[in-house]
């Protein structure tokens, strides 16, 4: 027997906001500082990634990325504070669930050997 789960965040209306795929997009944007590099690294189209971001923003009512097109920060994209908090929330909850799965697996294995 094994445990499995799917984690996602919903808004107050019960609409899907962020799941594993969107989490990976935000994580990659944070890592690369670029929407196009994030899309390329995840083997997703730029337009798909952009649509996912816009959907999250519509459903939360907050900007999650900030893009710079010209000047010193030309071509950079960064997570907003709200985007960082969504990413952090997903990471914390995911870690707690994974830790529970590990504890339960250990307890189950201990019972099998008694």
PDB file of N, CA and C in Angstrom:
ATOM      1  N   UNK A   1       0.847  -1.164   0.000  1.00  0.00           N
ATOM      2  CA  UNK A   1       0.000   0.000   0.000  1.00  0.00           C
ATOM      3  C   UNK A   1       0.896   1.232   0.000  1.00  0.00           C
ATOM      4  N   UNK A   2       0.439   2.277  -0.704  1.00  0.00           N
ATOM      5  CA  UNK A   2       1.188   3.529  -0.703  1.00  0.00           C
ATOM      6  C   UNK A   2       0.222   4.700  -0.665  1.00  0.00           C
ATOM      7  N   UNK A   3       0.747   5.836  -0.305  1.00  0.00           N
ATOM      8  CA  UNK A   3      -0.058   7.048  -0.200  1.00  0.00           C
ATOM      9  C   UNK A   3       0.256   7.958  -1.375  1.00  0.00           C
ATOM     10  N   UNK A   4      -0.752   8.676  -1.823  1.00  0.00           N
ATOM     11  CA  UNK A   4      -0.561   9.636  -2.889  1.00  0.00           C
ATOM     12  C   UNK A   4      -1.503  10.805  -2.665  1.00  0.00           C
ATOM     13  N   UNK A   5      -1.219  11.920  -3.268  1.00  0.00           N
ATOM     14  CA  UNK A   5      -2.071  13.097  -3.112  1.00  0.00           C
ATOM     15  C   UNK A   5      -1.838  14.057  -4.270  1.00  0.00           C
ATOM     16  N   UNK A   6      -2.787  14.942  -4.450  1.00  0.00           N
ATOM     17  CA  UNK A   6      -2.652  16.073  -5.370  1.00  0.00           C
ATOM     18  C   UNK A   6      -2.973  17.317  -4.560  1.00  0.00           C
ATOM     19  N   UNK A   7      -2.145  18.303  -4.709  1.00  0.00           N
ATOM     20  CA  UNK A   7      -2.307  19.532  -3.938  1.00  0.00           C
ATOM     21  C   UNK A   7      -2.598  20.685  -4.883  1.00  0.00           C
ATOM     22  N   UNK A   8      -3.589  21.490  -4.540  1.00  0.00           N
ATOM     23  CA  UNK A   8      -3.831  22.720  -5.273  1.00  0.00           C
ATOM     24  C   UNK A   8      -4.437  23.738  -4.331  1.00  0.00           C
ATOM     25  N   UNK A   9      -4.321  24.991  -4.720  1.00  0.00           N
ATOM     26  CA  UNK A   9      -4.884  26.097  -3.956  1.00  0.00           C
ATOM     27  C   UNK A   9      -6.092  26.610  -4.723  1.00  0.00           C
ATOM     28  N   UNK A  10      -7.178  26.872  -3.998  1.00  0.00           N
ATOM     29  CA  UNK A  10      -8.386  27.444  -4.599  1.00  0.00           C
ATOM     30  C   UNK A  10      -8.628  28.824  -4.002  1.00  0.00           C
ATOM     31  N   UNK A  11      -9.341  29.658  -4.745  1.00  0.00           N
ATOM     32  CA  UNK A  11      -9.742  30.952  -4.190  1.00  0.00           C
ATOM     33  C   UNK A  11     -11.014  30.769  -3.365  1.00  0.00           C
ATOM     34  N   UNK A  12     -11.528  31.863  -2.815  1.00  0.00           N
ATOM     35  CA  UNK A  12     -12.711  31.788  -1.946  1.00  0.00           C
ATOM     36  C   UNK A  12     -13.962  31.335  -2.696  1.00  0.00           C
ATOM     37  N   UNK A  13     -13.952  31.403  -4.025  1.00  0.00           N
ATOM     38  CA  UNK A  13     -15.091  30.924  -4.825  1.00  0.00           C
ATOM     39  C   UNK A  13     -14.935  29.456  -5.230  1.00  0.00           C
ATOM     40  N   UNK A  14     -13.875  28.816  -4.751  1.00  0.00           N
ATOM     41  CA  UNK A  14     -13.640  27.412  -5.060  1.00  0.00           C
ATOM     42  C   UNK A  14     -13.016  27.184  -6.426  1.00  0.00           C
ATOM     43  N   UNK A  15     -12.485  28.244  -7.046  1.00  0.00           N
ATOM     44  CA  UNK A  15     -11.846  28.115  -8.355  1.00  0.00           C
ATOM     45  C   UNK A  15     -10.376  27.736  -8.179  1.00  0.00           C
ATOM     46  N   UNK A  16      -9.927  26.840  -9.040  1.00  0.00           N
ATOM     47  CA  UNK A  16      -8.525  26.424  -9.049  1.00  0.00           C
ATOM     48  C   UNK A  16      -7.640  27.651  -9.283  1.00  0.00           C
ATOM     49  N   UNK A  17      -6.613  27.805  -8.455  1.00  0.00           N
ATOM     50  CA  UNK A  17      -5.673  28.911  -8.607  1.00  0.00           C
ATOM     51  C   UNK A  17      -4.276  28.389  -8.933  1.00  0.00           C
ATOM     52  N   UNK A  18      -3.774  27.462  -8.128  1.00  0.00           N
ATOM     53  CA  UNK A  18      -2.394  27.023  -8.278  1.00  0.00           C
ATOM     54  C   UNK A  18      -2.269  25.557  -7.917  1.00  0.00           C
ATOM     55  N   UNK A  19      -1.658  24.790  -8.818  1.00  0.00           N
ATOM     56  CA  UNK A  19      -1.363  23.390  -8.566  1.00  0.00           C
ATOM     57  C   UNK A  19       0.100  23.135  -8.886  1.00  0.00           C
ATOM     58  N   UNK A  20       0.449  21.882  -9.050  1.00  0.00           N
ATOM     59  CA  UNK A  20       1.853  21.526  -9.254  1.00  0.00           C
ATOM     60  C   UNK A  20       2.455  22.179 -10.500  1.00  0.00           C
ATOM     61  N   UNK A  21       1.726  22.169 -11.609  1.00  0.00           N
ATOM     62  CA  UNK A  21       2.254  22.761 -12.844  1.00  0.00           C
ATOM     63  C   UNK A  21       2.507  24.249 -12.714  1.00  0.00           C
ATOM     64  N   UNK A  22       1.545  24.960 -12.153  1.00  0.00           N
ATOM     65  CA  UNK A  22       1.701  26.408 -11.953  1.00  0.00           C
ATOM     66  C   UNK A  22       2.799  26.696 -10.937  1.00  0.00           C
ATOM     67  N   UNK A  23       2.896  25.856  -9.921  1.00  0.00           N
ATOM     68  CA  UNK A  23       3.964  25.989  -8.927  1.00  0.00           C
ATOM     69  C   UNK A  23       5.329  25.892  -9.615  1.00  0.00           C
ATOM     70  N   UNK A  24       5.482  24.904 -10.496  1.00  0.00           N
ATOM     71  CA  UNK A  24       6.760  24.732 -11.196  1.00  0.00           C
ATOM     72  C   UNK A  24       7.083  25.939 -12.071  1.00  0.00           C
ATOM     73  N   UNK A  25       6.052  26.519 -12.691  1.00  0.00           N
ATOM     74  CA  UNK A  25       6.253  27.721 -13.505  1.00  0.00           C
ATOM     75  C   UNK A  25       6.778  28.862 -12.639  1.00  0.00           C
ATOM     76  N   UNK A  26       6.113  29.117 -11.515  1.00  0.00           N
ATOM     77  CA  UNK A  26       6.547  30.207 -10.632  1.00  0.00           C
ATOM     78  C   UNK A  26       7.955  29.960 -10.093  1.00  0.00           C
ATOM     79  N   UNK A  27       8.232  28.723  -9.731  1.00  0.00           N
ATOM     80  CA  UNK A  27       9.554  28.364  -9.202  1.00  0.00           C
ATOM     81  C   UNK A  27      10.636  28.635 -10.254  1.00  0.00           C
ATOM     82  N   UNK A  28      10.341  28.284 -11.492  1.00  0.00           N
ATOM     83  CA  UNK A  28      11.315  28.469 -12.572  1.00  0.00           C
ATOM     84  C   UNK A  28      11.496  29.952 -12.911  1.00  0.00           C
ATOM     85  N   UNK A  29      10.428  30.724 -12.851  1.00  0.00           N
ATOM     86  CA  UNK A  29      10.545  32.172 -13.064  1.00  0.00           C
ATOM     87  C   UNK A  29      11.413  32.774 -11.965  1.00  0.00           C
ATOM     88  N   UNK A  30      11.189  32.333 -10.738  1.00  0.00           N
ATOM     89  CA  UNK A  30      11.993  32.828  -9.618  1.00  0.00           C
ATOM     90  C   UNK A  30      13.471  32.486  -9.827  1.00  0.00           C
ATOM     91  N   UNK A  31      13.729  31.291 -10.313  1.00  0.00           N
ATOM     92  CA  UNK A  31      15.102  30.824 -10.506  1.00  0.00           C
ATOM     93  C   UNK A  31      15.804  31.546 -11.665  1.00  0.00           C
ATOM     94  N   UNK A  32      15.094  31.718 -12.785  1.00  0.00           N
ATOM     95  CA  UNK A  32      15.731  32.257 -13.990  1.00  0.00           C
ATOM     96  C   UNK A  32      15.580  33.764 -14.150  1.00  0.00           C
ATOM     97  N   UNK A  33      14.551  34.349 -13.529  1.00  0.00           N
ATOM     98  CA  UNK A  33      14.290  35.771 -13.717  1.00  0.00           C
ATOM     99  C   UNK A  33      13.771  36.091 -15.104  1.00  0.00           C
ATOM    100  N   UNK A  34      13.225  35.060 -15.778  1.00  0.00           N
ATOM    101  CA  UNK A  34      12.768  35.252 -17.152  1.00  0.00           C
ATOM    102  C   UNK A  34      11.596  34.330 -17.453  1.00  0.00           C
ATOM    103  N   UNK A  35      10.551  34.905 -18.027  1.00  0.00           N
ATOM    104  CA  UNK A  35       9.394  34.110 -18.422  1.00  0.00           C
ATOM    105  C   UNK A  35       9.751  33.173 -19.573  1.00  0.00           C
ATOM    106  N   UNK A  36      10.480  33.679 -20.552  1.00  0.00           N
ATOM    107  CA  UNK A  36      10.826  32.850 -21.710  1.00  0.00           C
ATOM    108  C   UNK A  36      11.790  31.725 -21.327  1.00  0.00           C
ATOM    109  N   UNK A  37      12.754  31.999 -20.455  1.00  0.00           N
ATOM    110  CA  UNK A  37      13.673  30.936 -20.009  1.00  0.00           C
ATOM    111  C   UNK A  37      12.926  29.893 -19.190  1.00  0.00           C
ATOM    112  N   UNK A  38      12.017  30.352 -18.349  1.00  0.00           N
ATOM    113  CA  UNK A  38      11.222  29.416 -17.549  1.00  0.00           C
ATOM    114  C   UNK A  38      10.420  28.499 -18.462  1.00  0.00           C
ATOM    115  N   UNK A  39       9.761  29.075 -19.458  1.00  0.00           N
ATOM    116  CA  UNK A  39       8.969  28.280 -20.402  1.00  0.00           C
ATOM    117  C   UNK A  39       9.861  27.277 -21.131  1.00  0.00           C
ATOM    118  N   UNK A  40      10.996  27.741 -21.611  1.00  0.00           N
ATOM    119  CA  UNK A  40      11.922  26.869 -22.338  1.00  0.00           C
ATOM    120  C   UNK A  40      12.419  25.732 -21.441  1.00  0.00           C
ATOM    121  N   UNK A  41      12.830  26.052 -20.215  1.00  0.00           N
ATOM    122  CA  UNK A  41      13.345  25.032 -19.295  1.00  0.00           C
ATOM    123  C   UNK A  41      12.291  23.987 -18.945  1.00  0.00           C
ATOM    124  N   UNK A  42      11.024  24.411 -18.898  1.00  0.00           N
ATOM    125  CA  UNK A  42       9.933  23.488 -18.564  1.00  0.00           C
ATOM    126  C   UNK A  42       9.332  22.828 -19.803  1.00  0.00           C
ATOM    127  N   UNK A  43       9.896  23.163 -20.970  1.00  0.00           N
ATOM    128  CA  UNK A  43       9.410  22.641 -22.249  1.00  0.00           C
ATOM    129  C   UNK A  43       7.932  22.963 -22.460  1.00  0.00           C
ATOM    130  N   UNK A  44       7.590  24.207 -22.157  1.00  0.00           N
ATOM    131  CA  UNK A  44       6.239  24.725 -22.360  1.00  0.00           C
ATOM    132  C   UNK A  44       6.351  25.934 -23.284  1.00  0.00           C
ATOM    133  N   UNK A  45       5.281  26.236 -23.981  1.00  0.00           N
ATOM    134  CA  UNK A  45       5.322  27.425 -24.828  1.00  0.00           C
ATOM    135  C   UNK A  45       5.207  28.677 -23.962  1.00  0.00           C
ATOM    136  N   UNK A  46       5.788  29.744 -24.464  1.00  0.00           N
ATOM    137  CA  UNK A  46       5.729  31.033 -23.772  1.00  0.00           C
ATOM    138  C   UNK A  46       4.276  31.447 -23.576  1.00  0.00           C
ATOM    139  N   UNK A  47       3.459  31.273 -24.615  1.00  0.00           N
ATOM    140  CA  UNK A  47       2.055  31.702 -24.530  1.00  0.00           C
ATOM    141  C   UNK A  47       1.281  30.886 -23.487  1.00  0.00           C
ATOM    142  N   UNK A  48       1.592  29.601 -23.361  1.00  0.00           N
ATOM    143  CA  UNK A  48       0.929  28.761 -22.360  1.00  0.00           C
ATOM    144  C   UNK A  48       1.274  29.258 -20.952  1.00  0.00           C
ATOM    145  N   UNK A  49       2.548  29.521 -20.722  1.00  0.00           N
ATOM    146  CA  UNK A  49       3.001  29.999 -19.413  1.00  0.00           C
ATOM    147  C   UNK A  49       2.358  31.351 -19.105  1.00  0.00           C
ATOM    148  N   UNK A  50       2.320  32.241 -20.093  1.00  0.00           N
ATOM    149  CA  UNK A  50       1.723  33.559 -19.901  1.00  0.00           C
ATOM    150  C   UNK A  50       0.236  33.439 -19.564  1.00  0.00           C
ATOM    151  N   UNK A  51      -0.482  32.546 -20.258  1.00  0.00           N
ATOM    152  CA  UNK A  51      -1.916  32.333 -19.973  1.00  0.00           C
ATOM    153  C   UNK A  51      -2.124  31.799 -18.560  1.00  0.00           C
ATOM    154  N   UNK A  52      -1.266  30.877 -18.119  1.00  0.00           N
ATOM    155  CA  UNK A  52      -1.376  30.336 -16.754  1.00  0.00           C
ATOM    156  C   UNK A  52      -1.197  31.452 -15.723  1.00  0.00           C
ATOM    157  N   UNK A  53      -0.229  32.308 -15.944  1.00  0.00           N
ATOM    158  CA  UNK A  53       0.021  33.415 -15.019  1.00  0.00           C
ATOM    159  C   UNK A  53      -1.176  34.358 -14.985  1.00  0.00           C
ATOM    160  N   UNK A  54      -1.686  34.709 -16.156  1.00  0.00           N
ATOM    161  CA  UNK A  54      -2.835  35.621 -16.231  1.00  0.00           C
ATOM    162  C   UNK A  54      -4.065  35.015 -15.556  1.00  0.00           C
ATOM    163  N   UNK A  55      -4.243  33.708 -15.687  1.00  0.00           N
ATOM    164  CA  UNK A  55      -5.384  33.038 -15.045  1.00  0.00           C
ATOM    165  C   UNK A  55      -5.258  33.116 -13.522  1.00  0.00           C
ATOM    166  N   UNK A  56      -4.058  32.876 -13.007  1.00  0.00           N
ATOM    167  CA  UNK A  56      -3.830  32.977 -11.558  1.00  0.00           C
ATOM    168  C   UNK A  56      -4.129  34.399 -11.095  1.00  0.00           C
ATOM    169  N   UNK A  57      -3.651  35.378 -11.848  1.00  0.00           N
ATOM    170  CA  UNK A  57      -3.877  36.777 -11.469  1.00  0.00           C
ATOM    171  C   UNK A  57      -5.362  37.135 -11.486  1.00  0.00           C
ATOM    172  N   UNK A  58      -6.087  36.654 -12.481  1.00  0.00           N
ATOM    173  CA  UNK A  58      -7.536  36.916 -12.536  1.00  0.00           C
ATOM    174  C   UNK A  58      -8.250  36.295 -11.346  1.00  0.00           C
ATOM    175  N   UNK A  59      -7.870  35.081 -11.016  1.00  0.00           N
ATOM    176  CA  UNK A  59      -8.581  34.362  -9.956  1.00  0.00           C
ATOM    177  C   UNK A  59      -8.198  34.815  -8.550  1.00  0.00           C
ATOM    178  N   UNK A  60      -7.042  35.425  -8.406  1.00  0.00           N
ATOM    179  CA  UNK A  60      -6.650  35.930  -7.083  1.00  0.00           C
ATOM    180  C   UNK A  60      -6.919  37.422  -6.934  1.00  0.00           C
ATOM    181  N   UNK A  61      -6.946  38.120  -8.055  1.00  0.00           N
ATOM    182  CA  UNK A  61      -7.100  39.569  -8.007  1.00  0.00           C
ATOM    183  C   UNK A  61      -5.796  40.295  -7.711  1.00  0.00           C
ATOM    184  N   UNK A  62      -4.669  39.582  -7.796  1.00  0.00           N
ATOM    185  CA  UNK A  62      -3.356  40.171  -7.520  1.00  0.00           C
ATOM    186  C   UNK A  62      -2.379  39.842  -8.639  1.00  0.00           C
ATOM    187  N   UNK A  63      -1.439  40.753  -8.885  1.00  0.00           N
ATOM    188  CA  UNK A  63      -0.339  40.477  -9.820  1.00  0.00           C
ATOM    189  C   UNK A  63       0.601  39.489  -9.135  1.00  0.00           C
ATOM    190  N   UNK A  64       1.074  38.506  -9.896  1.00  0.00           N
ATOM    191  CA  UNK A  64       2.025  37.553  -9.314  1.00  0.00           C
ATOM    192  C   UNK A  64       3.411  37.680  -9.929  1.00  0.00           C
ATOM    193  N   UNK A  65       3.492  38.325 -11.106  1.00  0.00           N
ATOM    194  CA  UNK A  65       4.801  38.589 -11.713  1.00  0.00           C
ATOM    195  C   UNK A  65       4.882  40.050 -12.123  1.00  0.00           C
ATOM    196  N   UNK A  66       6.108  40.522 -12.187  1.00  0.00           N
ATOM    197  CA  UNK A  66       6.379  41.875 -12.642  1.00  0.00           C
ATOM    198  C   UNK A  66       7.447  41.759 -13.721  1.00  0.00           C
ATOM    199  N   UNK A  67       7.142  42.270 -14.906  1.00  0.00           N
ATOM    200  CA  UNK A  67       8.079  42.183 -16.025  1.00  0.00           C
ATOM    201  C   UNK A  67       8.637  43.556 -16.363  1.00  0.00           C
ATOM    202  N   UNK A  68       9.903  43.580 -16.740  1.00  0.00           N
ATOM    203  CA  UNK A  68      10.588  44.803 -17.158  1.00  0.00           C
ATOM    204  C   UNK A  68      11.028  44.621 -18.601  1.00  0.00           C
ATOM    205  N   UNK A  69      10.664  45.560 -19.456  1.00  0.00           N
ATOM    206  CA  UNK A  69      10.979  45.437 -20.880  1.00  0.00           C
ATOM    207  C   UNK A  69      12.153  46.295 -21.321  1.00  0.00           C
ATOM    208  N   UNK A  70      12.390  47.391 -20.680  1.00  0.00           N
ATOM    209  CA  UNK A  70      13.446  48.287 -21.149  1.00  0.00           C
ATOM    210  C   UNK A  70      14.341  48.735 -20.016  1.00  0.00           C
ATOM    211  N   UNK A  71      15.346  49.498 -20.367  1.00  0.00           N
ATOM    212  CA  UNK A  71      16.243  50.038 -19.354  1.00  0.00           C
ATOM    213  C   UNK A  71      17.178  48.999 -18.773  1.00  0.00           C
ATOM    214  N   UNK A  72      17.569  49.257 -17.543  1.00  0.00           N
ATOM    215  CA  UNK A  72      18.557  48.404 -16.870  1.00  0.00           C
ATOM    216  C   UNK A  72      18.063  46.978 -16.657  1.00  0.00           C
ATOM    217  N   UNK A  73      16.765  46.802 -16.402  1.00  0.00           N
ATOM    218  CA  UNK A  73      16.216  45.472 -16.111  1.00  0.00           C
ATOM    219  C   UNK A  73      15.547  44.859 -17.337  1.00  0.00           C
ATOM    220  N   UNK A  74      16.009  45.203 -18.503  1.00  0.00           N
ATOM    221  CA  UNK A  74      15.390  44.763 -19.756  1.00  0.00           C
ATOM    222  C   UNK A  74      15.219  43.240 -19.801  1.00  0.00           C
ATOM    223  N   UNK A  75      14.002  42.834 -20.066  1.00  0.00           N
ATOM    224  CA  UNK A  75      13.718  41.423 -20.251  1.00  0.00           C
ATOM    225  C   UNK A  75      13.618  40.605 -18.979  1.00  0.00           C
ATOM    226  N   UNK A  76      13.614  41.234 -17.833  1.00  0.00           N
ATOM    227  CA  UNK A  76      13.538  40.481 -16.582  1.00  0.00           C
ATOM    228  C   UNK A  76      12.095  40.319 -16.123  1.00  0.00           C
ATOM    229  N   UNK A  77      11.825  39.204 -15.499  1.00  0.00           N
ATOM    230  CA  UNK A  77      10.525  38.954 -14.876  1.00  0.00           C
ATOM    231  C   UNK A  77      10.780  38.417 -13.480  1.00  0.00           C
ATOM    232  N   UNK A  78      10.102  39.006 -12.513  1.00  0.00           N
ATOM    233  CA  UNK A  78      10.260  38.594 -11.117  1.00  0.00           C
ATOM    234  C   UNK A  78       8.900  38.343 -10.499  1.00  0.00           C
ATOM    235  N   UNK A  79       8.874  37.511  -9.481  1.00  0.00           N
ATOM    236  CA  UNK A  79       7.644  37.312  -8.726  1.00  0.00           C
ATOM    237  C   UNK A  79       7.393  38.539  -7.856  1.00  0.00           C
ATOM    238  N   UNK A  80       6.141  38.930  -7.763  1.00  0.00           N
ATOM    239  CA  UNK A  80       5.766  39.985  -6.824  1.00  0.00           C
ATOM    240  C   UNK A  80       5.775  39.381  -5.421  1.00  0.00           C
ATOM    241  N   UNK A  81       5.589  40.211  -4.422  1.00  0.00           N
ATOM    242  CA  UNK A  81       5.505  39.692  -3.052  1.00  0.00           C
ATOM    243  C   UNK A  81       4.352  38.695  -2.939  1.00  0.00           C
ATOM    244  N   UNK A  82       3.241  38.985  -3.601  1.00  0.00           N
ATOM    245  CA  UNK A  82       2.103  38.062  -3.564  1.00  0.00           C
ATOM    246  C   UNK A  82       2.467  36.745  -4.255  1.00  0.00           C
ATOM    247  N   UNK A  83       3.158  36.830  -5.390  1.00  0.00           N
ATOM    248  CA  UNK A  83       3.607  35.621  -6.088  1.00  0.00           C
ATOM    249  C   UNK A  83       4.526  34.785  -5.220  1.00  0.00           C
ATOM    250  N   UNK A  84       5.431  35.454  -4.512  1.00  0.00           N
ATOM    251  CA  UNK A  84       6.345  34.751  -3.596  1.00  0.00           C
ATOM    252  C   UNK A  84       5.575  34.096  -2.458  1.00  0.00           C
ATOM    253  N   UNK A  85       4.547  34.774  -1.965  1.00  0.00           N
ATOM    254  CA  UNK A  85       3.779  34.195  -0.852  1.00  0.00           C
ATOM    255  C   UNK A  85       2.976  32.980  -1.314  1.00  0.00           C
ATOM    256  N   UNK A  86       2.441  33.011  -2.541  1.00  0.00           N
ATOM    257  CA  UNK A  86       1.743  31.831  -3.085  1.00  0.00           C
ATOM    258  C   UNK A  86       2.706  30.652  -3.208  1.00  0.00           C
ATOM    259  N   UNK A  87       3.884  30.927  -3.750  1.00  0.00           N
ATOM    260  CA  UNK A  87       4.909  29.903  -3.914  1.00  0.00           C
ATOM    261  C   UNK A  87       5.291  29.311  -2.561  1.00  0.00           C
ATOM    262  N   UNK A  88       5.503  30.164  -1.587  1.00  0.00           N
ATOM    263  CA  UNK A  88       5.884  29.733  -0.246  1.00  0.00           C
ATOM    264  C   UNK A  88       4.784  28.901   0.411  1.00  0.00           C
ATOM    265  N   UNK A  89       3.544  29.340   0.277  1.00  0.00           N
ATOM    266  CA  UNK A  89       2.414  28.599   0.844  1.00  0.00           C
ATOM    267  C   UNK A  89       2.348  27.196   0.260  1.00  0.00           C
ATOM    268  N   UNK A  90       2.438  27.090  -1.058  1.00  0.00           N
ATOM    269  CA  UNK A  90       2.389  25.781  -1.716  1.00  0.00           C
ATOM    270  C   UNK A  90       3.540  24.898  -1.217  1.00  0.00           C
ATOM    271  N   UNK A  91       4.746  25.455  -1.152  1.00  0.00           N
ATOM    272  CA  UNK A  91       5.913  24.682  -0.701  1.00  0.00           C
ATOM    273  C   UNK A  91       5.742  24.178   0.727  1.00  0.00           C
ATOM    274  N   UNK A  92       5.263  25.048   1.627  1.00  0.00           N
ATOM    275  CA  UNK A  92       5.103  24.657   3.039  1.00  0.00           C
ATOM    276  C   UNK A  92       4.072  23.546   3.193  1.00  0.00           C
ATOM    277  N   UNK A  93       2.929  23.689   2.542  1.00  0.00           N
ATOM    278  CA  UNK A  93       1.876  22.675   2.670  1.00  0.00           C
ATOM    279  C   UNK A  93       2.333  21.366   2.034  1.00  0.00           C
ATOM    280  N   UNK A  94       2.979  21.450   0.871  1.00  0.00           N
ATOM    281  CA  UNK A  94       3.474  20.246   0.199  1.00  0.00           C
ATOM    282  C   UNK A  94       4.479  19.508   1.085  1.00  0.00           C
ATOM    283  N   UNK A  95       5.375  20.247   1.728  1.00  0.00           N
ATOM    284  CA  UNK A  95       6.368  19.619   2.612  1.00  0.00           C
ATOM    285  C   UNK A  95       5.688  18.935   3.794  1.00  0.00           C
ATOM    286  N   UNK A  96       4.688  19.590   4.388  1.00  0.00           N
ATOM    287  CA  UNK A  96       3.977  18.980   5.514  1.00  0.00           C
ATOM    288  C   UNK A  96       3.300  17.680   5.099  1.00  0.00           C
ATOM    289  N   UNK A  97       2.695  17.674   3.931  1.00  0.00           N
ATOM    290  CA  UNK A  97       2.027  16.455   3.457  1.00  0.00           C
ATOM    291  C   UNK A  97       3.056  15.364   3.185  1.00  0.00           C
ATOM    292  N   UNK A  98       4.170  15.721   2.530  1.00  0.00           N
ATOM    293  CA  UNK A  98       5.214  14.720   2.269  1.00  0.00           C
ATOM    294  C   UNK A  98       5.772  14.166   3.572  1.00  0.00           C
ATOM    295  N   UNK A  99       5.966  15.031   4.566  1.00  0.00           N
ATOM    296  CA  UNK A  99       6.458  14.576   5.871  1.00  0.00           C
ATOM    297  C   UNK A  99       5.464  13.620   6.523  1.00  0.00           C
ATOM    298  N   UNK A 100       4.179  13.905   6.415  1.00  0.00           N
ATOM    299  CA  UNK A 100       3.149  13.005   6.952  1.00  0.00           C
ATOM    300  C   UNK A 100       3.189  11.656   6.246  1.00  0.00           C
ATOM    301  N   UNK A 101       3.361  11.691   4.919  1.00  0.00           N
ATOM    302  CA  UNK A 101       3.438  10.443   4.154  1.00  0.00           C
ATOM    303  C   UNK A 101       4.616   9.597   4.619  1.00  0.00           C
ATOM    304  N   UNK A 102       5.753  10.240   4.862  1.00  0.00           N
ATOM    305  CA  UNK A 102       6.946   9.519   5.303  1.00  0.00           C
ATOM    306  C   UNK A 102       6.715   8.924   6.685  1.00  0.00           C
ATOM    307  N   UNK A 103       6.153   9.712   7.608  1.00  0.00           N
ATOM    308  CA  UNK A 103       5.878   9.207   8.955  1.00  0.00           C
ATOM    309  C   UNK A 103       4.921   8.024   8.901  1.00  0.00           C
ATOM    310  N   UNK A 104       3.867   8.136   8.099  1.00  0.00           N
ATOM    311  CA  UNK A 104       2.882   7.059   8.006  1.00  0.00           C
ATOM    312  C   UNK A 104       3.509   5.816   7.391  1.00  0.00           C
ATOM    313  N   UNK A 105       4.372   5.988   6.407  1.00  0.00           N
ATOM    314  CA  UNK A 105       5.045   4.851   5.789  1.00  0.00           C
ATOM    315  C   UNK A 105       5.923   4.145   6.817  1.00  0.00           C
ATOM    316  N   UNK A 106       6.640   4.915   7.615  1.00  0.00           N
ATOM    317  CA  UNK A 106       7.496   4.334   8.654  1.00  0.00           C
ATOM    318  C   UNK A 106       6.636   3.593   9.671  1.00  0.00           C
ATOM    319  N   UNK A 107       5.532   4.189  10.133  1.00  0.00           N
ATOM    320  CA  UNK A 107       4.654   3.526  11.103  1.00  0.00           C
ATOM    321  C   UNK A 107       4.063   2.253  10.521  1.00  0.00           C
ATOM    322  N   UNK A 108       3.649   2.303   9.273  1.00  0.00           N
ATOM    323  CA  UNK A 108       3.065   1.126   8.628  1.00  0.00           C
ATOM    324  C   UNK A 108       4.098   0.017   8.534  1.00  0.00           C
ATOM    325  N   UNK A 109       5.326   0.355   8.148  1.00  0.00           N
ATOM    326  CA  UNK A 109       6.392  -0.644   8.053  1.00  0.00           C
ATOM    327  C   UNK A 109       6.716  -1.233   9.415  1.00  0.00           C
ATOM    328  N   UNK A 110       6.726  -0.419  10.462  1.00  0.00           N
ATOM    329  CA  UNK A 110       7.007  -0.913  11.808  1.00  0.00           C
ATOM    330  C   UNK A 110       5.949  -1.919  12.236  1.00  0.00           C
ATOM    331  N   UNK A 111       4.687  -1.634  11.921  1.00  0.00           N
ATOM    332  CA  UNK A 111       3.605  -2.552  12.297  1.00  0.00           C
ATOM    333  C   UNK A 111       3.719  -3.876  11.542  1.00  0.00           C
ATOM    334  N   UNK A 112       4.209  -3.833  10.325  1.00  0.00           N
ATOM    335  CA  UNK A 112       4.328  -5.050   9.533  1.00  0.00           C
ATOM    336  C   UNK A 112       5.408  -5.987  10.061  1.00  0.00           C
ATOM    337  N   UNK A 113       6.357  -5.458  10.811  1.00  0.00           N
ATOM    338  CA  UNK A 113       7.457  -6.283  11.295  1.00  0.00           C
ATOM    339  C   UNK A 113       7.285  -6.728  12.736  1.00  0.00           C
ATOM    340  N   UNK A 114       6.181  -6.419  13.350  1.00  0.00           N
ATOM    341  CA  UNK A 114       5.959  -6.826  14.747  1.00  0.00           C
ATOM    342  C   UNK A 114       5.386  -8.205  14.820  1.00  0.00           C
TER     343      UNK A 114
END
